[in-house]
Structure formats: C-alpha cells, structure tokens
PDB file of all heavy atoms in Angstrom:
ATOM      1  N   ALA A   1     -35.911-104.563  50.675  1.00  0.00           N
ATOM      2  CA  ALA A   1     -35.385-103.606  51.635  1.00  0.00           C
ATOM      3  C   ALA A   1     -34.252-102.843  51.046  1.00  0.00           C
ATOM      4  O   ALA A   1     -33.744-103.224  49.969  1.00  0.00           O
ATOM      5  CB  ALA A   1     -34.996-104.228  52.937  1.00  0.00           C
ATOM      6  N   GLY A   2     -33.863-101.749  51.582  1.00  0.00           N
ATOM      7  CA  GLY A   2     -32.719-101.056  51.115  1.00  0.00           C
ATOM      8  C   GLY A   2     -32.461 -99.836  51.900  1.00  0.00           C
ATOM      9  O   GLY A   2     -32.898 -99.638  53.046  1.00  0.00           O
ATOM     10  N   GLU A   3     -31.602 -98.950  51.420  1.00  0.00           N
ATOM     11  CA  GLU A   3     -31.198 -97.747  52.133  1.00  0.00           C
ATOM     12  C   GLU A   3     -31.145 -96.549  51.104  1.00  0.00           C
ATOM     13  O   GLU A   3     -30.587 -96.687  50.019  1.00  0.00           O
ATOM     14  CB  GLU A   3     -29.795 -97.970  52.666  1.00  0.00           C
ATOM     15  CG  GLU A   3     -29.298 -96.829  53.597  1.00  0.00           C
ATOM     16  CD  GLU A   3     -27.966 -97.248  54.320  1.00  0.00           C
ATOM     17  OE1 GLU A   3     -27.434 -98.291  53.923  1.00  0.00           O
ATOM     18  OE2 GLU A   3     -27.578 -96.531  55.233  1.00  0.00           O
ATOM     19  N   ALA A   4     -31.653 -95.446  51.526  1.00  0.00           N
ATOM     20  CA  ALA A   4     -31.528 -94.228  50.788  1.00  0.00           C
ATOM     21  C   ALA A   4     -30.505 -93.301  51.434  1.00  0.00           C
ATOM     22  O   ALA A   4     -30.547 -93.157  52.684  1.00  0.00           O
ATOM     23  CB  ALA A   4     -32.839 -93.543  50.693  1.00  0.00           C
ATOM     24  N   LEU A   5     -29.646 -92.749  50.653  1.00  0.00           N
ATOM     25  CA  LEU A   5     -28.576 -91.903  51.202  1.00  0.00           C
ATOM     26  C   LEU A   5     -28.602 -90.593  50.390  1.00  0.00           C
ATOM     27  O   LEU A   5     -28.573 -90.499  49.207  1.00  0.00           O
ATOM     28  CB  LEU A   5     -27.188 -92.574  50.969  1.00  0.00           C
ATOM     29  CG  LEU A   5     -26.944 -93.841  51.749  1.00  0.00           C
ATOM     30  CD1 LEU A   5     -26.068 -94.810  50.991  1.00  0.00           C
ATOM     31  CD2 LEU A   5     -26.363 -93.507  53.128  1.00  0.00           C
ATOM     32  N   LEU A   6     -28.641 -89.519  51.186  1.00  0.00           N
ATOM     33  CA  LEU A   6     -28.530 -88.103  50.594  1.00  0.00           C
ATOM     34  C   LEU A   6     -27.207 -87.570  50.903  1.00  0.00           C
ATOM     35  O   LEU A   6     -26.781 -87.484  52.017  1.00  0.00           O
ATOM     36  CB  LEU A   6     -29.656 -87.210  51.192  1.00  0.00           C
ATOM     37  CG  LEU A   6     -29.866 -85.900  50.503  1.00  0.00           C
ATOM     38  CD1 LEU A   6     -30.309 -86.112  49.078  1.00  0.00           C
ATOM     39  CD2 LEU A   6     -30.841 -85.002  51.195  1.00  0.00           C
ATOM     40  N   VAL A   7     -26.472 -87.189  49.851  1.00  0.00           N
ATOM     41  CA  VAL A   7     -25.083 -86.670  49.958  1.00  0.00           C
ATOM     42  C   VAL A   7     -25.203 -85.186  49.802  1.00  0.00           C
ATOM     43  O   VAL A   7     -25.596 -84.627  48.787  1.00  0.00           O
ATOM     44  CB  VAL A   7     -24.182 -87.250  48.844  1.00  0.00           C
ATOM     45  CG1 VAL A   7     -22.766 -86.803  49.055  1.00  0.00           C
ATOM     46  CG2 VAL A   7     -24.280 -88.803  48.805  1.00  0.00           C
ATOM     47  N   ILE A   8     -24.849 -84.426  50.891  1.00  0.00           N
ATOM     48  CA  ILE A   8     -24.953 -83.034  50.928  1.00  0.00           C
ATOM     49  C   ILE A   8     -23.690 -82.325  51.318  1.00  0.00           C
ATOM     50  O   ILE A   8     -22.981 -82.771  52.269  1.00  0.00           O
ATOM     51  CB  ILE A   8     -26.018 -82.590  52.040  1.00  0.00           C
ATOM     52  CG1 ILE A   8     -27.328 -83.421  51.883  1.00  0.00           C
ATOM     53  CG2 ILE A   8     -26.278 -81.103  52.029  1.00  0.00           C
ATOM     54  CD1 ILE A   8     -28.259 -83.185  53.001  1.00  0.00           C
ATOM     55  N   LYS A   9     -23.279 -81.322  50.537  1.00  0.00           N
ATOM     56  CA  LYS A   9     -22.048 -80.627  50.858  1.00  0.00           C
ATOM     57  C   LYS A   9     -22.344 -79.562  51.971  1.00  0.00           C
ATOM     58  O   LYS A   9     -23.243 -78.721  51.825  1.00  0.00           O
ATOM     59  CB  LYS A   9     -21.539 -79.878  49.635  1.00  0.00           C
ATOM     60  CG  LYS A   9     -20.159 -79.345  49.752  1.00  0.00           C
ATOM     61  CD  LYS A   9     -19.584 -78.931  48.458  1.00  0.00           C
ATOM     62  CE  LYS A   9     -18.068 -78.490  48.598  1.00  0.00           C
ATOM     63  NZ  LYS A   9     -17.516 -78.038  47.282  1.00  0.00           N
ATOM     64  N   ARG A  10     -21.662 -79.689  53.058  1.00  0.00           N
ATOM     65  CA  ARG A  10     -21.935 -78.795  54.221  1.00  0.00           C
ATOM     66  C   ARG A  10     -21.773 -77.363  53.920  1.00  0.00           C
ATOM     67  O   ARG A  10     -22.604 -76.554  54.386  1.00  0.00           O
ATOM     68  CB  ARG A  10     -21.005 -79.214  55.406  1.00  0.00           C
ATOM     69  CG  ARG A  10     -21.232 -80.544  56.014  1.00  0.00           C
ATOM     70  CD  ARG A  10     -20.515 -80.790  57.265  1.00  0.00           C
ATOM     71  NE  ARG A  10     -19.100 -80.895  57.050  1.00  0.00           N
ATOM     72  CZ  ARG A  10     -18.474 -81.940  56.695  1.00  0.00           C
ATOM     73  NH1 ARG A  10     -19.098 -83.074  56.560  1.00  0.00           N
ATOM     74  NH2 ARG A  10     -17.149 -81.983  56.527  1.00  0.00           N
ATOM     75  N   SER A  11     -20.775 -76.994  53.107  1.00  0.00           N
ATOM     76  CA  SER A  11     -20.576 -75.563  52.815  1.00  0.00           C
ATOM     77  C   SER A  11     -21.666 -75.008  51.947  1.00  0.00           C
ATOM     78  O   SER A  11     -21.769 -73.738  51.836  1.00  0.00           O
ATOM     79  CB  SER A  11     -19.199 -75.469  52.109  1.00  0.00           C
ATOM     80  OG  SER A  11     -19.171 -76.168  50.923  1.00  0.00           O
ATOM     81  N   ASN A  12     -22.492 -75.800  51.362  1.00  0.00           N
ATOM     82  CA  ASN A  12     -23.648 -75.328  50.614  1.00  0.00           C
ATOM     83  C   ASN A  12     -24.903 -75.138  51.396  1.00  0.00           C
ATOM     84  O   ASN A  12     -25.902 -74.616  50.827  1.00  0.00           O
ATOM     85  CB  ASN A  12     -23.917 -76.257  49.378  1.00  0.00           C
ATOM     86  CG  ASN A  12     -22.887 -76.095  48.259  1.00  0.00           C
ATOM     87  OD1 ASN A  12     -22.146 -75.145  48.242  1.00  0.00           O
ATOM     88  ND2 ASN A  12     -22.920 -77.024  47.296  1.00  0.00           N
ATOM     89  N   LEU A  13     -24.856 -75.542  52.676  1.00  0.00           N
ATOM     90  CA  LEU A  13     -26.149 -75.440  53.417  1.00  0.00           C
ATOM     91  C   LEU A  13     -26.574 -73.995  53.703  1.00  0.00           C
ATOM     92  O   LEU A  13     -27.716 -73.751  54.017  1.00  0.00           O
ATOM     93  CB  LEU A  13     -25.922 -76.250  54.740  1.00  0.00           C
ATOM     94  CG  LEU A  13     -25.952 -77.761  54.635  1.00  0.00           C
ATOM     95  CD1 LEU A  13     -25.581 -78.387  55.946  1.00  0.00           C
ATOM     96  CD2 LEU A  13     -27.305 -78.280  54.113  1.00  0.00           C
ATOM     97  N   GLU A  14     -25.561 -73.145  53.689  1.00  0.00           N
ATOM     98  CA  GLU A  14     -26.002 -71.668  53.862  1.00  0.00           C
ATOM     99  C   GLU A  14     -26.930 -71.217  52.795  1.00  0.00           C
ATOM    100  O   GLU A  14     -27.896 -70.428  53.082  1.00  0.00           O
ATOM    101  CB  GLU A  14     -24.693 -70.803  53.853  1.00  0.00           C
ATOM    102  CG  GLU A  14     -25.001 -69.412  54.335  1.00  0.00           C
ATOM    103  CD  GLU A  14     -23.739 -68.567  54.461  1.00  0.00           C
ATOM    104  OE1 GLU A  14     -22.623 -69.175  54.469  1.00  0.00           O
ATOM    105  OE2 GLU A  14     -23.793 -67.351  54.608  1.00  0.00           O
ATOM    106  N   THR A  15     -26.825 -71.738  51.542  1.00  0.00           N
ATOM    107  CA  THR A  15     -27.724 -71.434  50.474  1.00  0.00           C
ATOM    108  C   THR A  15     -29.148 -71.881  50.820  1.00  0.00           C
ATOM    109  O   THR A  15     -30.084 -71.169  50.645  1.00  0.00           O
ATOM    110  CB  THR A  15     -27.243 -72.036  49.160  1.00  0.00           C
ATOM    111  OG1 THR A  15     -25.970 -71.562  48.846  1.00  0.00           O
ATOM    112  CG2 THR A  15     -28.252 -71.835  48.032  1.00  0.00           C
ATOM    113  N   ILE A  16     -29.240 -73.099  51.341  1.00  0.00           N
ATOM    114  CA  ILE A  16     -30.579 -73.669  51.733  1.00  0.00           C
ATOM    115  C   ILE A  16     -31.187 -72.881  52.830  1.00  0.00           C
ATOM    116  O   ILE A  16     -32.315 -72.601  52.897  1.00  0.00           O
ATOM    117  CB  ILE A  16     -30.402 -75.176  52.108  1.00  0.00           C
ATOM    118  CG1 ILE A  16     -29.784 -75.967  50.953  1.00  0.00           C
ATOM    119  CG2 ILE A  16     -31.717 -75.719  52.551  1.00  0.00           C
ATOM    120  CD1 ILE A  16     -30.542 -75.873  49.627  1.00  0.00           C
ATOM    121  N   ALA A  17     -30.280 -72.463  53.821  1.00  0.00           N
ATOM    122  CA  ALA A  17     -30.817 -71.627  54.985  1.00  0.00           C
ATOM    123  C   ALA A  17     -31.442 -70.357  54.428  1.00  0.00           C
ATOM    124  O   ALA A  17     -32.514 -69.953  54.885  1.00  0.00           O
ATOM    125  CB  ALA A  17     -29.714 -71.337  55.928  1.00  0.00           C
ATOM    126  N   LYS A  18     -30.832 -69.763  53.462  1.00  0.00           N
ATOM    127  CA  LYS A  18     -31.332 -68.443  52.960  1.00  0.00           C
ATOM    128  C   LYS A  18     -32.644 -68.726  52.184  1.00  0.00           C
ATOM    129  O   LYS A  18     -33.604 -67.967  52.328  1.00  0.00           O
ATOM    130  CB  LYS A  18     -30.359 -67.860  51.947  1.00  0.00           C
ATOM    131  CG  LYS A  18     -29.068 -67.278  52.692  1.00  0.00           C
ATOM    132  CD  LYS A  18     -28.093 -66.692  51.756  1.00  0.00           C
ATOM    133  CE  LYS A  18     -26.900 -66.135  52.473  1.00  0.00           C
ATOM    134  NZ  LYS A  18     -25.817 -65.596  51.533  1.00  0.00           N
ATOM    135  N   LEU A  19     -32.705 -69.805  51.428  1.00  0.00           N
ATOM    136  CA  LEU A  19     -33.935 -70.071  50.685  1.00  0.00           C
ATOM    137  C   LEU A  19     -35.062 -70.460  51.549  1.00  0.00           C
ATOM    138  O   LEU A  19     -36.213 -70.191  51.231  1.00  0.00           O
ATOM    139  CB  LEU A  19     -33.640 -71.259  49.681  1.00  0.00           C
ATOM    140  CG  LEU A  19     -32.765 -70.981  48.455  1.00  0.00           C
ATOM    141  CD1 LEU A  19     -32.354 -72.252  47.705  1.00  0.00           C
ATOM    142  CD2 LEU A  19     -33.471 -69.961  47.525  1.00  0.00           C
ATOM    143  N   MET A  20     -34.788 -71.028  52.723  1.00  0.00           N
ATOM    144  CA  MET A  20     -35.827 -71.457  53.688  1.00  0.00           C
ATOM    145  C   MET A  20     -36.073 -70.339  54.666  1.00  0.00           C
ATOM    146  O   MET A  20     -36.948 -70.491  55.590  1.00  0.00           O
ATOM    147  CB  MET A  20     -35.451 -72.733  54.361  1.00  0.00           C
ATOM    148  CG  MET A  20     -35.418 -73.987  53.398  1.00  0.00           C
ATOM    149  SD  MET A  20     -34.981 -75.480  54.276  1.00  0.00           S
ATOM    150  CE  MET A  20     -36.386 -75.762  55.262  1.00  0.00           C
ATOM    151  N   ASP A  21     -35.309 -69.201  54.584  1.00  0.00           N
ATOM    152  CA  ASP A  21     -35.451 -68.076  55.419  1.00  0.00           C
ATOM    153  C   ASP A  21     -35.256 -68.543  56.913  1.00  0.00           C
ATOM    154  O   ASP A  21     -36.012 -68.202  57.829  1.00  0.00           O
ATOM    155  CB  ASP A  21     -36.761 -67.400  55.287  1.00  0.00           C
ATOM    156  CG  ASP A  21     -36.774 -65.992  55.892  1.00  0.00           C
ATOM    157  OD1 ASP A  21     -35.731 -65.417  56.050  1.00  0.00           O
ATOM    158  OD2 ASP A  21     -37.857 -65.530  56.271  1.00  0.00           O
ATOM    159  N   MET A  22     -34.202 -69.389  57.167  1.00  0.00           N
ATOM    160  CA  MET A  22     -33.884 -69.825  58.523  1.00  0.00           C
ATOM    161  C   MET A  22     -32.752 -69.048  59.053  1.00  0.00           C
ATOM    162  O   MET A  22     -31.691 -68.862  58.457  1.00  0.00           O
ATOM    163  CB  MET A  22     -33.559 -71.314  58.523  1.00  0.00           C
ATOM    164  CG  MET A  22     -34.711 -72.166  58.024  1.00  0.00           C
ATOM    165  SD  MET A  22     -34.353 -73.961  57.998  1.00  0.00           S
ATOM    166  CE  MET A  22     -34.029 -74.344  59.732  1.00  0.00           C
ATOM    167  N   GLN A  23     -32.944 -68.549  60.307  1.00  0.00           N
ATOM    168  CA  GLN A  23     -31.966 -67.634  60.874  1.00  0.00           C
ATOM    169  C   GLN A  23     -31.136 -68.391  61.985  1.00  0.00           C
ATOM    170  O   GLN A  23     -31.665 -69.370  62.590  1.00  0.00           O
ATOM    171  CB  GLN A  23     -32.627 -66.454  61.507  1.00  0.00           C
ATOM    172  CG  GLN A  23     -33.563 -65.658  60.613  1.00  0.00           C
ATOM    173  CD  GLN A  23     -32.815 -65.059  59.408  1.00  0.00           C
ATOM    174  OE1 GLN A  23     -31.628 -64.531  59.591  1.00  0.00           O
ATOM    175  NE2 GLN A  23     -33.408 -65.056  58.274  1.00  0.00           N
ATOM    176  N   GLY A  24     -29.906 -68.033  62.201  1.00  0.00           N
ATOM    177  CA  GLY A  24     -29.173 -68.636  63.250  1.00  0.00           C
ATOM    178  C   GLY A  24     -27.759 -69.000  62.813  1.00  0.00           C
ATOM    179  O   GLY A  24     -27.421 -68.840  61.650  1.00  0.00           O
ATOM    180  N   GLN A  25     -26.964 -69.527  63.724  1.00  0.00           N
ATOM    181  CA  GLN A  25     -25.594 -70.009  63.479  1.00  0.00           C
ATOM    182  C   GLN A  25     -25.658 -71.258  62.629  1.00  0.00           C
ATOM    183  O   GLN A  25     -26.424 -72.170  62.930  1.00  0.00           O
ATOM    184  CB  GLN A  25     -24.806 -70.232  64.710  1.00  0.00           C
ATOM    185  CG  GLN A  25     -24.572 -68.997  65.547  1.00  0.00           C
ATOM    186  CD  GLN A  25     -23.738 -68.004  64.852  1.00  0.00           C
ATOM    187  OE1 GLN A  25     -22.713 -68.376  64.168  1.00  0.00           O
ATOM    188  NE2 GLN A  25     -24.007 -66.700  64.884  1.00  0.00           N
TER     189      GLN A  25
END
C-alpha cells in the first residue's frame, strides 16, 4: 500500500486552464 501525492503550485494553475481551454474564475 502507499500514497501518491501531487504537489501543484496554485499560481501556475492559470497556465493549465489556458492549455485546457477552461473558462471561469
């Protein structure tokens, strides 16, 4: 057993939103 952890910088999520073409606040 184990645990997977994804470490994501919140201020970089806007880049992902643009790449995924996701609109909104």
